[in-house]
């Protein structure tokens, strides 16, 4: 819940040290068992080929390399959103809203810029209208993404929100409970 506050306090004057810490923390990361069916699902050529993630790691891409022969298109910076061609490619798509690990990850909510919002809002709105989102492991802590979800998610669309806890428990941000 307080990740970005702790990161900001710890690496306020030394952001490069913070990026190095993240790289070191993730260097031995390996996709868990749950990534196997996700990789297979993304390659079924049924139009369900988009992952939108707030994580910086490359676990989705690693799982695709390990378990399939598909190479994903990875959009790991808001300046690359113009290359995210939703609905016109069969290749797995991975949209990293907070950048990839090697692109100065955004792990401080105060760093989400107007440019970030402008570049991602239209793409996310299109994705919400095109796909049926399945939300996994997100508790609503990222205010910028939560605001886009609340503002742009169509009221007539369905959404699946997977969590280990019921929506009324403390795990969920109050904004998520209200949204659901």
C-alpha atoms as a PDB file:
ATOM      1  CA  UNK A   1       0.000   0.000   0.000  1.00  0.00           C
ATOM      2  CA  UNK A   2       2.828   2.448   0.775  1.00  0.00           C
ATOM      3  CA  UNK A   3       5.311   1.273  -1.851  1.00  0.00           C
ATOM      4  CA  UNK A   4       5.673   4.533  -3.761  1.00  0.00           C
ATOM      5  CA  UNK A   5       5.979   6.551  -0.526  1.00  0.00           C
ATOM      6  CA  UNK A   6       8.730   4.256   0.747  1.00  0.00           C
ATOM      7  CA  UNK A   7      10.540   4.236  -2.594  1.00  0.00           C
ATOM      8  CA  UNK A   8      10.371   8.023  -2.853  1.00  0.00           C
ATOM      9  CA  UNK A   9      11.738   8.473   0.679  1.00  0.00           C
ATOM     10  CA  UNK A  10      14.525   5.918   0.198  1.00  0.00           C
ATOM     11  CA  UNK A  11      15.713   7.043  -3.257  1.00  0.00           C
ATOM     12  CA  UNK A  12      14.592  10.676  -3.384  1.00  0.00           C
ATOM     13  CA  UNK A  13      18.018  12.077  -4.300  1.00  0.00           C
ATOM     14  CA  UNK A  14      19.364   8.921  -5.956  1.00  0.00           C
ATOM     15  CA  UNK A  15      16.792   7.676  -8.445  1.00  0.00           C
ATOM     16  CA  UNK A  16      19.460   5.711 -10.354  1.00  0.00           C
ATOM     17  CA  UNK A  17      20.182   3.746  -7.164  1.00  0.00           C
ATOM     18  CA  UNK A  18      16.470   2.975  -6.975  1.00  0.00           C
ATOM     19  CA  UNK A  19      16.451   1.681 -10.555  1.00  0.00           C
ATOM     20  CA  UNK A  20      19.544  -0.417  -9.804  1.00  0.00           C
ATOM     21  CA  UNK A  21      17.801  -1.824  -6.717  1.00  0.00           C
ATOM     22  CA  UNK A  22      14.789  -2.826  -8.845  1.00  0.00           C
ATOM     23  CA  UNK A  23      17.037  -4.440 -11.482  1.00  0.00           C
ATOM     24  CA  UNK A  24      18.914  -6.398  -8.815  1.00  0.00           C
ATOM     25  CA  UNK A  25      15.645  -7.459  -7.170  1.00  0.00           C
ATOM     26  CA  UNK A  26      14.240  -8.822 -10.424  1.00  0.00           C
ATOM     27  CA  UNK A  27      17.340 -10.308 -12.053  1.00  0.00           C
ATOM     28  CA  UNK A  28      16.485 -13.862 -10.976  1.00  0.00           C
ATOM     29  CA  UNK A  29      12.705 -13.539 -11.349  1.00  0.00           C
ATOM     30  CA  UNK A  30      11.119 -16.518 -13.057  1.00  0.00           C
ATOM     31  CA  UNK A  31       7.492 -16.808 -14.190  1.00  0.00           C
ATOM     32  CA  UNK A  32       5.412 -18.778 -11.701  1.00  0.00           C
ATOM     33  CA  UNK A  33       3.100 -21.588 -12.756  1.00  0.00           C
ATOM     34  CA  UNK A  34       0.220 -19.179 -13.383  1.00  0.00           C
ATOM     35  CA  UNK A  35       2.114 -17.570 -16.256  1.00  0.00           C
ATOM     36  CA  UNK A  36       1.979 -20.787 -18.287  1.00  0.00           C
ATOM     37  CA  UNK A  37      -1.791 -20.705 -18.953  1.00  0.00           C
ATOM     38  CA  UNK A  38      -1.603 -16.927 -19.434  1.00  0.00           C
ATOM     39  CA  UNK A  39       1.045 -17.340 -22.150  1.00  0.00           C
ATOM     40  CA  UNK A  40      -1.023 -20.030 -23.872  1.00  0.00           C
ATOM     41  CA  UNK A  41      -4.178 -17.912 -23.604  1.00  0.00           C
ATOM     42  CA  UNK A  42      -2.450 -14.912 -25.207  1.00  0.00           C
ATOM     43  CA  UNK A  43      -1.424 -16.987 -28.231  1.00  0.00           C
ATOM     44  CA  UNK A  44      -4.802 -18.604 -29.060  1.00  0.00           C
ATOM     45  CA  UNK A  45      -5.546 -16.169 -31.943  1.00  0.00           C
ATOM     46  CA  UNK A  46      -8.984 -15.470 -30.486  1.00  0.00           C
ATOM     47  CA  UNK A  47      -8.503 -11.730 -30.010  1.00  0.00           C
ATOM     48  CA  UNK A  48      -7.581 -12.022 -26.327  1.00  0.00           C
ATOM     49  CA  UNK A  49      -3.967 -11.042 -26.753  1.00  0.00           C
ATOM     50  CA  UNK A  50      -3.496  -7.944 -24.567  1.00  0.00           C
ATOM     51  CA  UNK A  51      -1.893  -7.658 -21.133  1.00  0.00           C
ATOM     52  CA  UNK A  52      -2.012  -4.264 -19.436  1.00  0.00           C
ATOM     53  CA  UNK A  53       0.345  -4.226 -16.492  1.00  0.00           C
ATOM     54  CA  UNK A  54       1.584  -1.759 -13.910  1.00  0.00           C
ATOM     55  CA  UNK A  55       4.584  -4.016 -13.213  1.00  0.00           C
ATOM     56  CA  UNK A  56       8.086  -3.333 -14.545  1.00  0.00           C
ATOM     57  CA  UNK A  57       9.197  -6.965 -14.740  1.00  0.00           C
ATOM     58  CA  UNK A  58       9.378  -9.052 -17.907  1.00  0.00           C
ATOM     59  CA  UNK A  59       7.589 -12.121 -16.553  1.00  0.00           C
ATOM     60  CA  UNK A  60       4.865 -12.104 -19.226  1.00  0.00           C
ATOM     61  CA  UNK A  61       7.453 -11.849 -21.999  1.00  0.00           C
ATOM     62  CA  UNK A  62       9.597 -14.520 -20.338  1.00  0.00           C
ATOM     63  CA  UNK A  63       6.597 -16.859 -20.086  1.00  0.00           C
ATOM     64  CA  UNK A  64       5.802 -16.349 -23.763  1.00  0.00           C
ATOM     65  CA  UNK A  65       9.418 -17.204 -24.643  1.00  0.00           C
ATOM     66  CA  UNK A  66       9.443 -20.264 -22.366  1.00  0.00           C
ATOM     67  CA  UNK A  67       6.074 -21.765 -23.228  1.00  0.00           C
ATOM     68  CA  UNK A  68       5.289 -20.606 -26.778  1.00  0.00           C
ATOM     69  CA  UNK A  69       7.004 -19.584 -29.992  1.00  0.00           C
ATOM     70  CA  UNK A  70       5.237 -16.207 -30.073  1.00  0.00           C
ATOM     71  CA  UNK A  71       7.127 -12.944 -29.722  1.00  0.00           C
ATOM     72  CA  UNK A  72       5.113 -10.200 -28.046  1.00  0.00           C
ATOM     73  CA  UNK A  73       4.964  -6.551 -28.931  1.00  0.00           C
ATOM     74  CA  UNK A  74       5.990  -4.771 -25.731  1.00  0.00           C
ATOM     75  CA  UNK A  75       5.005  -1.146 -25.214  1.00  0.00           C
ATOM     76  CA  UNK A  76       7.096  -0.179 -22.219  1.00  0.00           C
ATOM     77  CA  UNK A  77       6.949   3.611 -22.368  1.00  0.00           C
ATOM     78  CA  UNK A  78       4.186   6.141 -23.023  1.00  0.00           C
ATOM     79  CA  UNK A  79       6.126   7.488 -26.019  1.00  0.00           C
ATOM     80  CA  UNK A  80       5.600   4.125 -27.743  1.00  0.00           C
ATOM     81  CA  UNK A  81       1.804   4.025 -27.396  1.00  0.00           C
ATOM     82  CA  UNK A  82       1.356   5.113 -31.015  1.00  0.00           C
ATOM     83  CA  UNK A  83       2.701   1.670 -31.995  1.00  0.00           C
ATOM     84  CA  UNK A  84       0.092  -0.191 -29.937  1.00  0.00           C
ATOM     85  CA  UNK A  85      -2.274  -1.343 -32.681  1.00  0.00           C
ATOM     86  CA  UNK A  86      -5.168  -2.833 -30.744  1.00  0.00           C
ATOM     87  CA  UNK A  87      -7.297  -5.266 -32.675  1.00  0.00           C
ATOM     88  CA  UNK A  88      -5.114  -5.324 -35.775  1.00  0.00           C
ATOM     89  CA  UNK A  89      -2.497  -7.800 -34.694  1.00  0.00           C
ATOM     90  CA  UNK A  90      -2.623 -11.414 -33.610  1.00  0.00           C
ATOM     91  CA  UNK A  91       0.676 -11.121 -31.776  1.00  0.00           C
ATOM     92  CA  UNK A  92       0.550 -10.940 -27.953  1.00  0.00           C
ATOM     93  CA  UNK A  93       0.601  -7.339 -26.753  1.00  0.00           C
ATOM     94  CA  UNK A  94       2.094  -6.249 -23.433  1.00  0.00           C
ATOM     95  CA  UNK A  95       1.376  -2.669 -22.363  1.00  0.00           C
ATOM     96  CA  UNK A  96       3.539  -1.605 -19.422  1.00  0.00           C
ATOM     97  CA  UNK A  97       1.894   1.482 -18.025  1.00  0.00           C
ATOM     98  CA  UNK A  98       4.714   2.260 -15.612  1.00  0.00           C
ATOM     99  CA  UNK A  99       7.499   1.528 -18.094  1.00  0.00           C
ATOM    100  CA  UNK A 100       9.669  -1.525 -18.408  1.00  0.00           C
ATOM    101  CA  UNK A 101      12.446  -2.209 -15.947  1.00  0.00           C
ATOM    102  CA  UNK A 102      15.110  -0.593 -18.146  1.00  0.00           C
ATOM    103  CA  UNK A 103      13.096   2.534 -19.037  1.00  0.00           C
ATOM    104  CA  UNK A 104      13.132   4.507 -15.756  1.00  0.00           C
ATOM    105  CA  UNK A 105      10.176   2.732 -14.110  1.00  0.00           C
ATOM    106  CA  UNK A 106       7.475   4.959 -12.693  1.00  0.00           C
ATOM    107  CA  UNK A 107       7.153   3.868  -9.107  1.00  0.00           C
ATOM    108  CA  UNK A 108       6.189   7.205  -7.654  1.00  0.00           C
ATOM    109  CA  UNK A 109       2.639   8.403  -8.283  1.00  0.00           C
ATOM    110  CA  UNK A 110       3.856  12.007  -8.375  1.00  0.00           C
ATOM    111  CA  UNK A 111       5.860  11.133 -11.528  1.00  0.00           C
ATOM    112  CA  UNK A 112       2.778  10.293 -13.574  1.00  0.00           C
ATOM    113  CA  UNK A 113       2.747  13.205 -15.953  1.00  0.00           C
ATOM    114  CA  UNK A 114       0.130  14.897 -18.058  1.00  0.00           C
ATOM    115  CA  UNK A 115       1.921  13.428 -21.084  1.00  0.00           C
ATOM    116  CA  UNK A 116       1.666   9.919 -19.594  1.00  0.00           C
ATOM    117  CA  UNK A 117      -2.069  10.388 -19.047  1.00  0.00           C
ATOM    118  CA  UNK A 118      -2.630  11.840 -22.522  1.00  0.00           C
ATOM    119  CA  UNK A 119      -0.729   9.023 -24.260  1.00  0.00           C
ATOM    120  CA  UNK A 120      -2.332   6.161 -22.339  1.00  0.00           C
ATOM    121  CA  UNK A 121      -5.927   7.382 -21.886  1.00  0.00           C
ATOM    122  CA  UNK A 122      -7.081   6.919 -25.493  1.00  0.00           C
ATOM    123  CA  UNK A 123      -5.378   3.526 -25.839  1.00  0.00           C
ATOM    124  CA  UNK A 124      -6.828   2.280 -22.559  1.00  0.00           C
ATOM    125  CA  UNK A 125     -10.292   3.567 -23.432  1.00  0.00           C
ATOM    126  CA  UNK A 126     -10.094   1.706 -26.760  1.00  0.00           C
ATOM    127  CA  UNK A 127      -8.896  -1.438 -24.963  1.00  0.00           C
ATOM    128  CA  UNK A 128     -11.783  -1.233 -22.467  1.00  0.00           C
ATOM    129  CA  UNK A 129     -14.259  -1.063 -25.357  1.00  0.00           C
ATOM    130  CA  UNK A 130     -12.556  -3.823 -27.372  1.00  0.00           C
ATOM    131  CA  UNK A 131     -11.612  -6.420 -24.760  1.00  0.00           C
ATOM    132  CA  UNK A 132     -13.229  -7.908 -21.665  1.00  0.00           C
ATOM    133  CA  UNK A 133     -10.697  -7.077 -18.956  1.00  0.00           C
ATOM    134  CA  UNK A 134      -9.623  -9.630 -16.394  1.00  0.00           C
ATOM    135  CA  UNK A 135      -7.977  -7.786 -13.510  1.00  0.00           C
ATOM    136  CA  UNK A 136      -5.448  -9.854 -11.572  1.00  0.00           C
ATOM    137  CA  UNK A 137      -3.455  -8.688  -8.566  1.00  0.00           C
ATOM    138  CA  UNK A 138      -4.409  -5.002  -8.683  1.00  0.00           C
ATOM    139  CA  UNK A 139      -5.778  -3.369  -5.553  1.00  0.00           C
ATOM    140  CA  UNK A 140      -6.436   0.115  -6.941  1.00  0.00           C
ATOM    141  CA  UNK A 141      -3.361   1.723  -5.437  1.00  0.00           C
ATOM    142  CA  UNK A 142      -2.330   3.494  -8.633  1.00  0.00           C
ATOM    143  CA  UNK A 143      -4.490   6.616  -8.703  1.00  0.00           C
ATOM    144  CA  UNK A 144      -3.716   7.494 -12.335  1.00  0.00           C
ATOM    145  CA  UNK A 145      -4.801   4.098 -13.688  1.00  0.00           C
ATOM    146  CA  UNK A 146      -7.785   3.926 -11.341  1.00  0.00           C
ATOM    147  CA  UNK A 147      -8.980   7.341 -12.578  1.00  0.00           C
ATOM    148  CA  UNK A 148      -8.756   6.234 -16.217  1.00  0.00           C
ATOM    149  CA  UNK A 149     -10.586   3.017 -15.356  1.00  0.00           C
ATOM    150  CA  UNK A 150     -13.383   4.933 -13.584  1.00  0.00           C
ATOM    151  CA  UNK A 151     -13.656   7.584 -16.306  1.00  0.00           C
ATOM    152  CA  UNK A 152     -13.265   5.462 -19.442  1.00  0.00           C
ATOM    153  CA  UNK A 153     -14.620   2.006 -18.652  1.00  0.00           C
ATOM    154  CA  UNK A 154     -17.967   1.615 -20.451  1.00  0.00           C
ATOM    155  CA  UNK A 155     -20.871   1.039 -18.082  1.00  0.00           C
ATOM    156  CA  UNK A 156     -22.378  -1.611 -20.362  1.00  0.00           C
ATOM    157  CA  UNK A 157     -19.218  -3.778 -20.477  1.00  0.00           C
ATOM    158  CA  UNK A 158     -18.306  -6.671 -18.251  1.00  0.00           C
ATOM    159  CA  UNK A 159     -15.123  -6.919 -16.228  1.00  0.00           C
ATOM    160  CA  UNK A 160     -13.646  -9.746 -14.151  1.00  0.00           C
ATOM    161  CA  UNK A 161     -11.733  -8.738 -11.023  1.00  0.00           C
ATOM    162  CA  UNK A 162      -9.747 -11.593  -9.509  1.00  0.00           C
ATOM    163  CA  UNK A 163      -8.423 -11.327  -5.964  1.00  0.00           C
ATOM    164  CA  UNK A 164      -7.747 -13.450  -2.945  1.00  0.00           C
ATOM    165  CA  UNK A 165     -10.053 -11.280  -0.860  1.00  0.00           C
ATOM    166  CA  UNK A 166     -13.682 -10.227  -1.196  1.00  0.00           C
ATOM    167  CA  UNK A 167     -14.173  -6.637  -2.450  1.00  0.00           C
ATOM    168  CA  UNK A 168     -15.355  -5.426   0.956  1.00  0.00           C
ATOM    169  CA  UNK A 169     -12.161  -6.439   2.742  1.00  0.00           C
ATOM    170  CA  UNK A 170      -9.299  -4.093   3.576  1.00  0.00           C
ATOM    171  CA  UNK A 171      -7.174  -5.349   0.642  1.00  0.00           C
ATOM    172  CA  UNK A 172      -9.131  -3.189  -1.770  1.00  0.00           C
ATOM    173  CA  UNK A 173      -8.795   0.523  -2.089  1.00  0.00           C
ATOM    174  CA  UNK A 174     -12.170   2.220  -1.347  1.00  0.00           C
ATOM    175  CA  UNK A 175     -12.196   3.471  -4.957  1.00  0.00           C
ATOM    176  CA  UNK A 176     -12.120  -0.135  -6.203  1.00  0.00           C
ATOM    177  CA  UNK A 177     -15.027  -1.120  -3.977  1.00  0.00           C
ATOM    178  CA  UNK A 178     -16.989   1.872  -5.260  1.00  0.00           C
ATOM    179  CA  UNK A 179     -16.088   1.079  -8.881  1.00  0.00           C
ATOM    180  CA  UNK A 180     -17.088  -2.579  -8.546  1.00  0.00           C
END
